[in-house]
Amino acid sequence: MEESTFPLPYQIACIVLTALFVLSFSISREPRQWRRLYQSLFQRDEPISVNKNKVIDEKLKTYGIAIAMVFLVADVAFFVAGITYRDRIERNQKTTEEWYRIQELNKVQGSSQGRGNGGP
């Protein structure tokens, strides 16, 4: 069975991190709606304070954007790791002789290119 170019665990991680990014970014863009939803579900008995609600909204906006950016960076990192997975696995499986042959081939190609460009 051939290895996938983008393995399933990386796909799942990207989907979950993208969903978390979208959720945290939407919370930071509209903190008032999310705060009201939270208060209606969990803080029904407490009195409503306008100043306290403003502070909560500002903190949600500040921290929400920072958390969203962390999720975005992690998402991109997992995406890049998933795309390069096959190359990394193949590189680790090469023997010393294969590496030696590749280096020799690169030296020969490098020296032939140097002569073809008007070099010595």
PDB file of N, CA and C in Angstrom:
ATOM      1  N   MET A   1       0.848  -1.182   0.000  1.00  0.00           N
ATOM      2  CA  MET A   1       0.000   0.000   0.000  1.00  0.00           C
ATOM      3  C   MET A   1       0.887   1.237   0.000  1.00  0.00           C
ATOM      4  N   GLU A   2       0.605   2.159  -0.873  1.00  0.00           N
ATOM      5  CA  GLU A   2       1.427   3.355  -1.009  1.00  0.00           C
ATOM      6  C   GLU A   2       1.070   4.377   0.065  1.00  0.00           C
ATOM      7  N   GLU A   3       2.096   5.065   0.556  1.00  0.00           N
ATOM      8  CA  GLU A   3       1.883   6.108   1.559  1.00  0.00           C
ATOM      9  C   GLU A   3       1.116   7.277   0.949  1.00  0.00           C
ATOM     10  N   SER A   4       0.243   7.832   1.726  1.00  0.00           N
ATOM     11  CA  SER A   4      -0.534   8.984   1.276  1.00  0.00           C
ATOM     12  C   SER A   4       0.359  10.221   1.225  1.00  0.00           C
ATOM     13  N   THR A   5       0.046  11.135   0.320  1.00  0.00           N
ATOM     14  CA  THR A   5       0.820  12.359   0.252  1.00  0.00           C
ATOM     15  C   THR A   5       0.426  13.327   1.364  1.00  0.00           C
ATOM     16  N   PHE A   6      -0.756  13.177   1.897  1.00  0.00           N
ATOM     17  CA  PHE A   6      -1.228  14.018   2.996  1.00  0.00           C
ATOM     18  C   PHE A   6      -1.955  13.105   3.992  1.00  0.00           C
ATOM     19  N   PRO A   7      -1.239  12.579   4.993  1.00  0.00           N
ATOM     20  CA  PRO A   7      -1.800  11.559   5.889  1.00  0.00           C
ATOM     21  C   PRO A   7      -3.032  12.040   6.660  1.00  0.00           C
ATOM     22  N   LEU A   8      -3.860  11.081   7.029  1.00  0.00           N
ATOM     23  CA  LEU A   8      -5.123  11.352   7.706  1.00  0.00           C
ATOM     24  C   LEU A   8      -4.955  12.114   9.026  1.00  0.00           C
ATOM     25  N   PRO A   9      -3.985  11.776   9.894  1.00  0.00           N
ATOM     26  CA  PRO A   9      -3.861  12.561  11.137  1.00  0.00           C
ATOM     27  C   PRO A   9      -3.596  14.047  10.890  1.00  0.00           C
ATOM     28  N   TYR A  10      -2.822  14.353   9.860  1.00  0.00           N
ATOM     29  CA  TYR A  10      -2.577  15.761   9.537  1.00  0.00           C
ATOM     30  C   TYR A  10      -3.845  16.417   9.001  1.00  0.00           C
ATOM     31  N   GLN A  11      -4.637  15.680   8.223  1.00  0.00           N
ATOM     32  CA  GLN A  11      -5.896  16.219   7.722  1.00  0.00           C
ATOM     33  C   GLN A  11      -6.853  16.532   8.862  1.00  0.00           C
ATOM     34  N   ILE A  12      -6.943  15.615   9.818  1.00  0.00           N
ATOM     35  CA  ILE A  12      -7.827  15.824  10.972  1.00  0.00           C
ATOM     36  C   ILE A  12      -7.362  17.022  11.783  1.00  0.00           C
ATOM     37  N   ALA A  13      -6.052  17.113  12.014  1.00  0.00           N
ATOM     38  CA  ALA A  13      -5.513  18.246  12.777  1.00  0.00           C
ATOM     39  C   ALA A  13      -5.813  19.566  12.076  1.00  0.00           C
ATOM     40  N   CYS A  14      -5.667  19.596  10.769  1.00  0.00           N
ATOM     41  CA  CYS A  14      -5.952  20.828  10.022  1.00  0.00           C
ATOM     42  C   CYS A  14      -7.426  21.207  10.110  1.00  0.00           C
ATOM     43  N   ILE A  15      -8.306  20.230  10.019  1.00  0.00           N
ATOM     44  CA  ILE A  15      -9.742  20.514  10.099  1.00  0.00           C
ATOM     45  C   ILE A  15     -10.108  21.049  11.486  1.00  0.00           C
ATOM     46  N   VAL A  16      -9.604  20.399  12.533  1.00  0.00           N
ATOM     47  CA  VAL A  16      -9.916  20.828  13.902  1.00  0.00           C
ATOM     48  C   VAL A  16      -9.341  22.212  14.177  1.00  0.00           C
ATOM     49  N   LEU A  17      -8.083  22.442  13.780  1.00  0.00           N
ATOM     50  CA  LEU A  17      -7.475  23.751  14.026  1.00  0.00           C
ATOM     51  C   LEU A  17      -8.155  24.850  13.216  1.00  0.00           C
ATOM     52  N   THR A  18      -8.595  24.544  12.016  1.00  0.00           N
ATOM     53  CA  THR A  18      -9.316  25.542  11.226  1.00  0.00           C
ATOM     54  C   THR A  18     -10.648  25.889  11.887  1.00  0.00           C
ATOM     55  N   ALA A  19     -11.339  24.871  12.393  1.00  0.00           N
ATOM     56  CA  ALA A  19     -12.610  25.127  13.080  1.00  0.00           C
ATOM     57  C   ALA A  19     -12.392  25.966  14.335  1.00  0.00           C
ATOM     58  N   LEU A  20     -11.345  25.648  15.101  1.00  0.00           N
ATOM     59  CA  LEU A  20     -11.047  26.432  16.298  1.00  0.00           C
ATOM     60  C   LEU A  20     -10.656  27.865  15.944  1.00  0.00           C
ATOM     61  N   PHE A  21      -9.922  28.028  14.842  1.00  0.00           N
ATOM     62  CA  PHE A  21      -9.562  29.370  14.396  1.00  0.00           C
ATOM     63  C   PHE A  21     -10.805  30.174  14.042  1.00  0.00           C
ATOM     64  N   VAL A  22     -11.699  29.579  13.269  1.00  0.00           N
ATOM     65  CA  VAL A  22     -12.921  30.287  12.855  1.00  0.00           C
ATOM     66  C   VAL A  22     -13.775  30.644  14.072  1.00  0.00           C
ATOM     67  N   LEU A  23     -13.907  29.708  15.009  1.00  0.00           N
ATOM     68  CA  LEU A  23     -14.700  29.965  16.204  1.00  0.00           C
ATOM     69  C   LEU A  23     -14.097  31.094  17.039  1.00  0.00           C
ATOM     70  N   SER A  24     -12.813  31.019  17.324  1.00  0.00           N
ATOM     71  CA  SER A  24     -12.196  32.051  18.165  1.00  0.00           C
ATOM     72  C   SER A  24     -12.164  33.401  17.453  1.00  0.00           C
ATOM     73  N   PHE A  25     -11.994  33.396  16.140  1.00  0.00           N
ATOM     74  CA  PHE A  25     -12.000  34.662  15.411  1.00  0.00           C
ATOM     75  C   PHE A  25     -13.394  35.272  15.388  1.00  0.00           C
ATOM     76  N   SER A  26     -14.414  34.434  15.235  1.00  0.00           N
ATOM     77  CA  SER A  26     -15.782  34.968  15.240  1.00  0.00           C
ATOM     78  C   SER A  26     -16.150  35.499  16.621  1.00  0.00           C
ATOM     79  N   ILE A  27     -15.674  34.857  17.671  1.00  0.00           N
ATOM     80  CA  ILE A  27     -15.918  35.367  19.031  1.00  0.00           C
ATOM     81  C   ILE A  27     -15.236  36.714  19.223  1.00  0.00           C
ATOM     82  N   SER A  28     -14.018  36.847  18.727  1.00  0.00           N
ATOM     83  CA  SER A  28     -13.300  38.114  18.905  1.00  0.00           C
ATOM     84  C   SER A  28     -13.888  39.231  18.044  1.00  0.00           C
ATOM     85  N   ARG A  29     -14.523  38.887  16.918  1.00  0.00           N
ATOM     86  CA  ARG A  29     -15.128  39.906  16.060  1.00  0.00           C
ATOM     87  C   ARG A  29     -16.460  40.407  16.613  1.00  0.00           C
ATOM     88  N   GLU A  30     -17.232  39.536  17.247  1.00  0.00           N
ATOM     89  CA  GLU A  30     -18.536  39.896  17.812  1.00  0.00           C
ATOM     90  C   GLU A  30     -18.613  39.441  19.274  1.00  0.00           C
ATOM     91  N   PRO A  31     -17.851  40.062  20.166  1.00  0.00           N
ATOM     92  CA  PRO A  31     -17.828  39.578  21.545  1.00  0.00           C
ATOM     93  C   PRO A  31     -19.144  39.791  22.289  1.00  0.00           C
ATOM     94  N   ARG A  32     -19.891  40.820  21.934  1.00  0.00           N
ATOM     95  CA  ARG A  32     -21.126  41.123  22.657  1.00  0.00           C
ATOM     96  C   ARG A  32     -22.136  39.988  22.539  1.00  0.00           C
ATOM     97  N   GLN A  33     -22.310  39.458  21.353  1.00  0.00           N
ATOM     98  CA  GLN A  33     -23.274  38.366  21.161  1.00  0.00           C
ATOM     99  C   GLN A  33     -22.869  37.121  21.942  1.00  0.00           C
ATOM    100  N   TRP A  34     -21.587  36.797  21.912  1.00  0.00           N
ATOM    101  CA  TRP A  34     -21.114  35.608  22.621  1.00  0.00           C
ATOM    102  C   TRP A  34     -21.191  35.793  24.132  1.00  0.00           C
ATOM    103  N   ARG A  35     -20.903  37.016  24.607  1.00  0.00           N
ATOM    104  CA  ARG A  35     -21.017  37.290  26.047  1.00  0.00           C
ATOM    105  C   ARG A  35     -22.465  37.165  26.492  1.00  0.00           C
ATOM    106  N   ARG A  36     -23.382  37.698  25.704  1.00  0.00           N
ATOM    107  CA  ARG A  36     -24.802  37.609  26.048  1.00  0.00           C
ATOM    108  C   ARG A  36     -25.281  36.159  26.062  1.00  0.00           C
ATOM    109  N   LEU A  37     -24.825  35.374  25.109  1.00  0.00           N
ATOM    110  CA  LEU A  37     -25.186  33.960  25.091  1.00  0.00           C
ATOM    111  C   LEU A  37     -24.668  33.258  26.345  1.00  0.00           C
ATOM    112  N   TYR A  38     -23.420  33.528  26.707  1.00  0.00           N
ATOM    113  CA  TYR A  38     -22.838  32.923  27.909  1.00  0.00           C
ATOM    114  C   TYR A  38     -23.611  33.350  29.155  1.00  0.00           C
ATOM    115  N   GLN A  39     -23.909  34.640  29.256  1.00  0.00           N
ATOM    116  CA  GLN A  39     -24.624  35.134  30.427  1.00  0.00           C
ATOM    117  C   GLN A  39     -26.044  34.573  30.499  1.00  0.00           C
ATOM    118  N   SER A  40     -26.680  34.418  29.368  1.00  0.00           N
ATOM    119  CA  SER A  40     -28.041  33.877  29.403  1.00  0.00           C
ATOM    120  C   SER A  40     -28.053  32.401  29.790  1.00  0.00           C
ATOM    121  N   LEU A  41     -26.988  31.682  29.469  1.00  0.00           N
ATOM    122  CA  LEU A  41     -26.933  30.261  29.799  1.00  0.00           C
ATOM    123  C   LEU A  41     -26.441  29.994  31.224  1.00  0.00           C
ATOM    124  N   PHE A  42     -25.447  30.761  31.683  1.00  0.00           N
ATOM    125  CA  PHE A  42     -24.774  30.415  32.927  1.00  0.00           C
ATOM    126  C   PHE A  42     -24.901  31.445  34.045  1.00  0.00           C
ATOM    127  N   GLN A  43     -25.255  32.688  33.741  1.00  0.00           N
ATOM    128  CA  GLN A  43     -25.294  33.729  34.766  1.00  0.00           C
ATOM    129  C   GLN A  43     -26.653  34.411  34.823  1.00  0.00           C
ATOM    130  N   ARG A  44     -27.677  33.667  34.902  1.00  0.00           N
ATOM    131  CA  ARG A  44     -29.026  34.235  34.903  1.00  0.00           C
ATOM    132  C   ARG A  44     -29.335  35.015  36.177  1.00  0.00           C
ATOM    133  N   ASP A  45     -28.799  34.566  37.312  1.00  0.00           N
ATOM    134  CA  ASP A  45     -29.146  35.164  38.604  1.00  0.00           C
ATOM    135  C   ASP A  45     -28.359  36.428  38.923  1.00  0.00           C
ATOM    136  N   GLU A  46     -27.225  36.637  38.283  1.00  0.00           N
ATOM    137  CA  GLU A  46     -26.379  37.788  38.613  1.00  0.00           C
ATOM    138  C   GLU A  46     -26.921  39.063  37.981  1.00  0.00           C
ATOM    139  N   PRO A  47     -26.754  40.198  38.678  1.00  0.00           N
ATOM    140  CA  PRO A  47     -27.191  41.479  38.102  1.00  0.00           C
ATOM    141  C   PRO A  47     -26.269  41.886  36.942  1.00  0.00           C
ATOM    142  N   ILE A  48     -26.846  42.623  35.987  1.00  0.00           N
ATOM    143  CA  ILE A  48     -26.094  43.040  34.802  1.00  0.00           C
ATOM    144  C   ILE A  48     -25.439  44.380  35.069  1.00  0.00           C
ATOM    145  N   SER A  49     -24.123  44.463  34.820  1.00  0.00           N
ATOM    146  CA  SER A  49     -23.360  45.695  34.988  1.00  0.00           C
ATOM    147  C   SER A  49     -22.810  46.107  33.627  1.00  0.00           C
ATOM    148  N   VAL A  50     -23.129  47.341  33.205  1.00  0.00           N
ATOM    149  CA  VAL A  50     -22.705  47.817  31.895  1.00  0.00           C
ATOM    150  C   VAL A  50     -21.186  47.930  31.826  1.00  0.00           C
ATOM    151  N   ASN A  51     -20.558  48.479  32.868  1.00  0.00           N
ATOM    152  CA  ASN A  51     -19.104  48.637  32.871  1.00  0.00           C
ATOM    153  C   ASN A  51     -18.398  47.280  32.847  1.00  0.00           C
ATOM    154  N   LYS A  52     -18.928  46.344  33.611  1.00  0.00           N
ATOM    155  CA  LYS A  52     -18.329  45.012  33.642  1.00  0.00           C
ATOM    156  C   LYS A  52     -18.453  44.352  32.267  1.00  0.00           C
ATOM    157  N   ASN A  53     -19.592  44.540  31.623  1.00  0.00           N
ATOM    158  CA  ASN A  53     -19.795  43.958  30.306  1.00  0.00           C
ATOM    159  C   ASN A  53     -18.854  44.563  29.261  1.00  0.00           C
ATOM    160  N   LYS A  54     -18.579  45.868  29.354  1.00  0.00           N
ATOM    161  CA  LYS A  54     -17.637  46.502  28.433  1.00  0.00           C
ATOM    162  C   LYS A  54     -16.240  45.930  28.600  1.00  0.00           C
ATOM    163  N   VAL A  55     -15.828  45.742  29.845  1.00  0.00           N
ATOM    164  CA  VAL A  55     -14.505  45.180  30.120  1.00  0.00           C
ATOM    165  C   VAL A  55     -14.417  43.755  29.575  1.00  0.00           C
ATOM    166  N   ILE A  56     -15.467  42.987  29.781  1.00  0.00           N
ATOM    167  CA  ILE A  56     -15.488  41.607  29.273  1.00  0.00           C
ATOM    168  C   ILE A  56     -15.404  41.610  27.749  1.00  0.00           C
ATOM    169  N   ASP A  57     -16.148  42.484  27.092  1.00  0.00           N
ATOM    170  CA  ASP A  57     -16.119  42.558  25.630  1.00  0.00           C
ATOM    171  C   ASP A  57     -14.725  42.929  25.115  1.00  0.00           C
ATOM    172  N   GLU A  58     -14.075  43.887  25.761  1.00  0.00           N
ATOM    173  CA  GLU A  58     -12.732  44.297  25.346  1.00  0.00           C
ATOM    174  C   GLU A  58     -11.729  43.171  25.530  1.00  0.00           C
ATOM    175  N   LYS A  59     -11.832  42.449  26.639  1.00  0.00           N
ATOM    176  CA  LYS A  59     -10.913  41.336  26.872  1.00  0.00           C
ATOM    177  C   LYS A  59     -11.158  40.201  25.891  1.00  0.00           C
ATOM    178  N   LEU A  60     -12.419  39.922  25.596  1.00  0.00           N
ATOM    179  CA  LEU A  60     -12.735  38.899  24.604  1.00  0.00           C
ATOM    180  C   LEU A  60     -12.135  39.253  23.243  1.00  0.00           C
ATOM    181  N   LYS A  61     -12.229  40.513  22.875  1.00  0.00           N
ATOM    182  CA  LYS A  61     -11.696  40.940  21.586  1.00  0.00           C
ATOM    183  C   LYS A  61     -10.172  40.806  21.564  1.00  0.00           C
ATOM    184  N   THR A  62      -9.511  41.261  22.628  1.00  0.00           N
ATOM    185  CA  THR A  62      -8.050  41.221  22.690  1.00  0.00           C
ATOM    186  C   THR A  62      -7.526  39.791  22.705  1.00  0.00           C
ATOM    187  N   TYR A  63      -8.010  39.005  23.636  1.00  0.00           N
ATOM    188  CA  TYR A  63      -7.510  37.642  23.767  1.00  0.00           C
ATOM    189  C   TYR A  63      -8.003  36.735  22.641  1.00  0.00           C
ATOM    190  N   GLY A  64      -9.191  36.997  22.132  1.00  0.00           N
ATOM    191  CA  GLY A  64      -9.741  36.184  21.055  1.00  0.00           C
ATOM    192  C   GLY A  64      -8.910  36.254  19.794  1.00  0.00           C
ATOM    193  N   ILE A  65      -8.467  37.448  19.447  1.00  0.00           N
ATOM    194  CA  ILE A  65      -7.637  37.598  18.250  1.00  0.00           C
ATOM    195  C   ILE A  65      -6.291  36.913  18.446  1.00  0.00           C
ATOM    196  N   ALA A  66      -5.693  37.054  19.622  1.00  0.00           N
ATOM    197  CA  ALA A  66      -4.405  36.403  19.889  1.00  0.00           C
ATOM    198  C   ALA A  66      -4.537  34.883  19.829  1.00  0.00           C
ATOM    199  N   ILE A  67      -5.588  34.365  20.422  1.00  0.00           N
ATOM    200  CA  ILE A  67      -5.803  32.915  20.406  1.00  0.00           C
ATOM    201  C   ILE A  67      -6.087  32.439  18.982  1.00  0.00           C
ATOM    202  N   ALA A  68      -6.847  33.216  18.226  1.00  0.00           N
ATOM    203  CA  ALA A  68      -7.133  32.850  16.838  1.00  0.00           C
ATOM    204  C   ALA A  68      -5.849  32.787  16.014  1.00  0.00           C
ATOM    205  N   MET A  69      -4.941  33.715  16.242  1.00  0.00           N
ATOM    206  CA  MET A  69      -3.682  33.706  15.505  1.00  0.00           C
ATOM    207  C   MET A  69      -2.817  32.501  15.881  1.00  0.00           C
ATOM    208  N   VAL A  70      -2.868  32.089  17.147  1.00  0.00           N
ATOM    209  CA  VAL A  70      -2.139  30.886  17.564  1.00  0.00           C
ATOM    210  C   VAL A  70      -2.696  29.663  16.838  1.00  0.00           C
ATOM    211  N   PHE A  71      -4.012  29.562  16.760  1.00  0.00           N
ATOM    212  CA  PHE A  71      -4.627  28.450  16.034  1.00  0.00           C
ATOM    213  C   PHE A  71      -4.273  28.494  14.546  1.00  0.00           C
ATOM    214  N   LEU A  72      -4.228  29.690  13.972  1.00  0.00           N
ATOM    215  CA  LEU A  72      -3.889  29.823  12.556  1.00  0.00           C
ATOM    216  C   LEU A  72      -2.448  29.380  12.293  1.00  0.00           C
ATOM    217  N   VAL A  73      -1.519  29.803  13.139  1.00  0.00           N
ATOM    218  CA  VAL A  73      -0.113  29.414  12.975  1.00  0.00           C
ATOM    219  C   VAL A  73       0.035  27.897  13.123  1.00  0.00           C
ATOM    220  N   ALA A  74      -0.626  27.322  14.113  1.00  0.00           N
ATOM    221  CA  ALA A  74      -0.566  25.866  14.298  1.00  0.00           C
ATOM    222  C   ALA A  74      -1.182  25.151  13.102  1.00  0.00           C
ATOM    223  N   ASP A  75      -2.262  25.681  12.564  1.00  0.00           N
ATOM    224  CA  ASP A  75      -2.915  25.088  11.400  1.00  0.00           C
ATOM    225  C   ASP A  75      -1.970  25.086  10.202  1.00  0.00           C
ATOM    226  N   VAL A  76      -1.319  26.197   9.954  1.00  0.00           N
ATOM    227  CA  VAL A  76      -0.373  26.281   8.836  1.00  0.00           C
ATOM    228  C   VAL A  76       0.803  25.335   9.058  1.00  0.00           C
ATOM    229  N   ALA A  77       1.284  25.237  10.288  1.00  0.00           N
ATOM    230  CA  ALA A  77       2.397  24.331  10.584  1.00  0.00           C
ATOM    231  C   ALA A  77       2.019  22.882  10.312  1.00  0.00           C
ATOM    232  N   PHE A  78       0.844  22.473  10.742  1.00  0.00           N
ATOM    233  CA  PHE A  78       0.398  21.107  10.477  1.00  0.00           C
ATOM    234  C   PHE A  78       0.170  20.881   8.985  1.00  0.00           C
ATOM    235  N   PHE A  79      -0.322  21.883   8.288  1.00  0.00           N
ATOM    236  CA  PHE A  79      -0.528  21.749   6.851  1.00  0.00           C
ATOM    237  C   PHE A  79       0.799  21.536   6.129  1.00  0.00           C
ATOM    238  N   VAL A  80       1.786  22.346   6.471  1.00  0.00           N
ATOM    239  CA  VAL A  80       3.105  22.204   5.845  1.00  0.00           C
ATOM    240  C   VAL A  80       3.730  20.863   6.213  1.00  0.00           C
ATOM    241  N   ALA A  81       3.592  20.451   7.470  1.00  0.00           N
ATOM    242  CA  ALA A  81       4.128  19.158   7.892  1.00  0.00           C
ATOM    243  C   ALA A  81       3.443  18.015   7.149  1.00  0.00           C
ATOM    244  N   GLY A  82       2.152  18.139   6.898  1.00  0.00           N
ATOM    245  CA  GLY A  82       1.429  17.106   6.166  1.00  0.00           C
ATOM    246  C   GLY A  82       1.832  17.040   4.704  1.00  0.00           C
ATOM    247  N   ILE A  83       2.030  18.193   4.097  1.00  0.00           N
ATOM    248  CA  ILE A  83       2.429  18.234   2.692  1.00  0.00           C
ATOM    249  C   ILE A  83       3.837  17.663   2.512  1.00  0.00           C
ATOM    250  N   THR A  84       4.741  17.942   3.432  1.00  0.00           N
ATOM    251  CA  THR A  84       6.130  17.487   3.311  1.00  0.00           C
ATOM    252  C   THR A  84       6.368  16.122   3.943  1.00  0.00           C
ATOM    253  N   TYR A  85       5.323  15.467   4.420  1.00  0.00           N
ATOM    254  CA  TYR A  85       5.463  14.189   5.119  1.00  0.00           C
ATOM    255  C   TYR A  85       6.173  13.140   4.262  1.00  0.00           C
ATOM    256  N   ARG A  86       5.716  12.964   3.053  1.00  0.00           N
ATOM    257  CA  ARG A  86       6.274  11.927   2.184  1.00  0.00           C
ATOM    258  C   ARG A  86       7.759  12.171   1.910  1.00  0.00           C
ATOM    259  N   ASP A  87       8.126  13.412   1.621  1.00  0.00           N
ATOM    260  CA  ASP A  87       9.533  13.718   1.368  1.00  0.00           C
ATOM    261  C   ASP A  87      10.395  13.482   2.601  1.00  0.00           C
ATOM    262  N   ARG A  88       9.869  13.846   3.769  1.00  0.00           N
ATOM    263  CA  ARG A  88      10.642  13.639   4.995  1.00  0.00           C
ATOM    264  C   ARG A  88      10.854  12.162   5.283  1.00  0.00           C
ATOM    265  N   ILE A  89       9.840  11.350   5.054  1.00  0.00           N
ATOM    266  CA  ILE A  89       9.954   9.913   5.286  1.00  0.00           C
ATOM    267  C   ILE A  89      10.956   9.298   4.308  1.00  0.00           C
ATOM    268  N   GLU A  90      10.861   9.670   3.032  1.00  0.00           N
ATOM    269  CA  GLU A  90      11.801   9.139   2.038  1.00  0.00           C
ATOM    270  C   GLU A  90      13.228   9.555   2.345  1.00  0.00           C
ATOM    271  N   ARG A  91      13.435  10.767   2.798  1.00  0.00           N
ATOM    272  CA  ARG A  91      14.778  11.251   3.114  1.00  0.00           C
ATOM    273  C   ARG A  91      15.370  10.472   4.284  1.00  0.00           C
ATOM    274  N   ASN A  92      14.565  10.153   5.275  1.00  0.00           N
ATOM    275  CA  ASN A  92      15.057   9.411   6.435  1.00  0.00           C
ATOM    276  C   ASN A  92      15.327   7.950   6.115  1.00  0.00           C
ATOM    277  N   GLN A  93      14.742   7.403   5.063  1.00  0.00           N
ATOM    278  CA  GLN A  93      14.910   5.998   4.730  1.00  0.00           C
ATOM    279  C   GLN A  93      16.088   5.734   3.793  1.00  0.00           C
ATOM    280  N   LYS A  94      16.757   6.758   3.306  1.00  0.00           N
ATOM    281  CA  LYS A  94      17.876   6.560   2.393  1.00  0.00           C
ATOM    282  C   LYS A  94      19.099   6.062   3.165  1.00  0.00           C
ATOM    283  N   THR A  95      19.857   5.191   2.507  1.00  0.00           N
ATOM    284  CA  THR A  95      21.068   4.656   3.126  1.00  0.00           C
ATOM    285  C   THR A  95      22.229   5.620   2.903  1.00  0.00           C
ATOM    286  N   THR A  96      23.327   5.334   3.561  1.00  0.00           N
ATOM    287  CA  THR A  96      24.520   6.171   3.435  1.00  0.00           C
ATOM    288  C   THR A  96      25.051   6.138   2.005  1.00  0.00           C
ATOM    289  N   GLU A  97      25.000   4.978   1.372  1.00  0.00           N
ATOM    290  CA  GLU A  97      25.472   4.861  -0.013  1.00  0.00           C
ATOM    291  C   GLU A  97      24.644   5.714  -0.955  1.00  0.00           C
ATOM    292  N   GLU A  98      23.329   5.721  -0.756  1.00  0.00           N
ATOM    293  CA  GLU A  98      22.466   6.553  -1.600  1.00  0.00           C
ATOM    294  C   GLU A  98      22.789   8.032  -1.423  1.00  0.00           C
ATOM    295  N   TRP A  99      23.034   8.459  -0.190  1.00  0.00           N
ATOM    296  CA  TRP A  99      23.396   9.858   0.056  1.00  0.00           C
ATOM    297  C   TRP A  99      24.720  10.193  -0.611  1.00  0.00           C
ATOM    298  N   TYR A 100      25.656   9.255  -0.557  1.00  0.00           N
ATOM    299  CA  TYR A 100      26.952   9.470  -1.189  1.00  0.00           C
ATOM    300  C   TYR A 100      26.783   9.628  -2.703  1.00  0.00           C
ATOM    301  N   ARG A 101      25.957   8.785  -3.318  1.00  0.00           N
ATOM    302  CA  ARG A 101      25.698   8.879  -4.758  1.00  0.00           C
ATOM    303  C   ARG A 101      25.034  10.210  -5.122  1.00  0.00           C
ATOM    304  N   ILE A 102      24.096  10.631  -4.309  1.00  0.00           N
ATOM    305  CA  ILE A 102      23.410  11.906  -4.573  1.00  0.00           C
ATOM    306  C   ILE A 102      24.395  13.072  -4.488  1.00  0.00           C
ATOM    307  N   GLN A 103      25.272  13.046  -3.494  1.00  0.00           N
ATOM    308  CA  GLN A 103      26.271  14.115  -3.353  1.00  0.00           C
ATOM    309  C   GLN A 103      27.231  14.125  -4.533  1.00  0.00           C
ATOM    310  N   GLU A 104      27.663  12.953  -4.968  1.00  0.00           N
ATOM    311  CA  GLU A 104      28.557  12.869  -6.123  1.00  0.00           C
ATOM    312  C   GLU A 104      27.863  13.378  -7.375  1.00  0.00           C
ATOM    313  N   LEU A 105      26.614  13.006  -7.561  1.00  0.00           N
ATOM    314  CA  LEU A 105      25.854  13.465  -8.720  1.00  0.00           C
ATOM    315  C   LEU A 105      25.710  14.988  -8.696  1.00  0.00           C
ATOM    316  N   ASN A 106      25.458  15.552  -7.530  1.00  0.00           N
ATOM    317  CA  ASN A 106      25.343  17.011  -7.408  1.00  0.00           C
ATOM    318  C   ASN A 106      26.666  17.694  -7.718  1.00  0.00           C
ATOM    319  N   LYS A 107      27.783  17.086  -7.294  1.00  0.00           N
ATOM    320  CA  LYS A 107      29.105  17.659  -7.593  1.00  0.00           C
ATOM    321  C   LYS A 107      29.368  17.653  -9.092  1.00  0.00           C
ATOM    322  N   VAL A 108      29.045  16.535  -9.742  1.00  0.00           N
ATOM    323  CA  VAL A 108      29.265  16.424 -11.188  1.00  0.00           C
ATOM    324  C   VAL A 108      28.391  17.428 -11.923  1.00  0.00           C
ATOM    325  N   GLN A 109      27.139  17.545 -11.545  1.00  0.00           N
ATOM    326  CA  GLN A 109      26.239  18.496 -12.199  1.00  0.00           C
ATOM    327  C   GLN A 109      26.687  19.934 -11.946  1.00  0.00           C
ATOM    328  N   GLY A 110      27.148  20.205 -10.731  1.00  0.00           N
ATOM    329  CA  GLY A 110      27.621  21.552 -10.412  1.00  0.00           C
ATOM    330  C   GLY A 110      28.849  21.930 -11.205  1.00  0.00           C
ATOM    331  N   SER A 111      29.772  21.000 -11.389  1.00  0.00           N
ATOM    332  CA  SER A 111      30.987  21.314 -12.138  1.00  0.00           C
ATOM    333  C   SER A 111      30.699  21.442 -13.631  1.00  0.00           C
ATOM    334  N   SER A 112      29.757  20.664 -14.157  1.00  0.00           N
ATOM    335  CA  SER A 112      29.427  20.778 -15.579  1.00  0.00           C
ATOM    336  C   SER A 112      28.670  22.073 -15.859  1.00  0.00           C
ATOM    337  N   GLN A 113      27.883  22.536 -14.950  1.00  0.00           N
ATOM    338  CA  GLN A 113      27.177  23.804 -15.116  1.00  0.00           C
ATOM    339  C   GLN A 113      28.162  24.975 -15.054  1.00  0.00           C
ATOM    340  N   GLY A 114      29.166  24.856 -14.206  1.00  0.00           N
ATOM    341  CA  GLY A 114      30.179  25.910 -14.098  1.00  0.00           C
ATOM    342  C   GLY A 114      30.955  26.072 -15.376  1.00  0.00           C
ATOM    343  N   ARG A 115      31.283  24.981 -16.074  1.00  0.00           N
ATOM    344  CA  ARG A 115      31.998  25.054 -17.339  1.00  0.00           C
ATOM    345  C   ARG A 115      31.107  25.558 -18.460  1.00  0.00           C
ATOM    346  N   GLY A 116      29.828  25.212 -18.411  1.00  0.00           N
ATOM    347  CA  GLY A 116      28.907  25.622 -19.473  1.00  0.00           C
ATOM    348  C   GLY A 116      28.576  27.093 -19.429  1.00  0.00           C
ATOM    349  N   ASN A 117      28.756  27.751 -18.313  1.00  0.00           N
ATOM    350  CA  ASN A 117      28.431  29.166 -18.167  1.00  0.00           C
ATOM    351  C   ASN A 117      29.615  30.063 -18.433  1.00  0.00           C
ATOM    352  N   GLY A 118      30.638  29.557 -19.068  1.00  0.00           N
ATOM    353  CA  GLY A 118      31.811  30.377 -19.363  1.00  0.00           C
ATOM    354  C   GLY A 118      32.817  30.344 -18.224  1.00  0.00           C
ATOM    355  N   GLY A 119      32.686  29.401 -17.324  1.00  0.00           N
ATOM    356  CA  GLY A 119      33.612  29.296 -16.194  1.00  0.00           C
ATOM    357  C   GLY A 119      34.926  28.680 -16.633  1.00  0.00           C
ATOM    358  N   PRO A 120      35.895  28.516 -15.729  1.00  0.00           N
ATOM    359  CA  PRO A 120      37.216  27.974 -16.080  1.00  0.00           C
ATOM    360  C   PRO A 120      37.191  26.537 -16.521  1.00  0.00           C
TER     361      PRO A 120
END
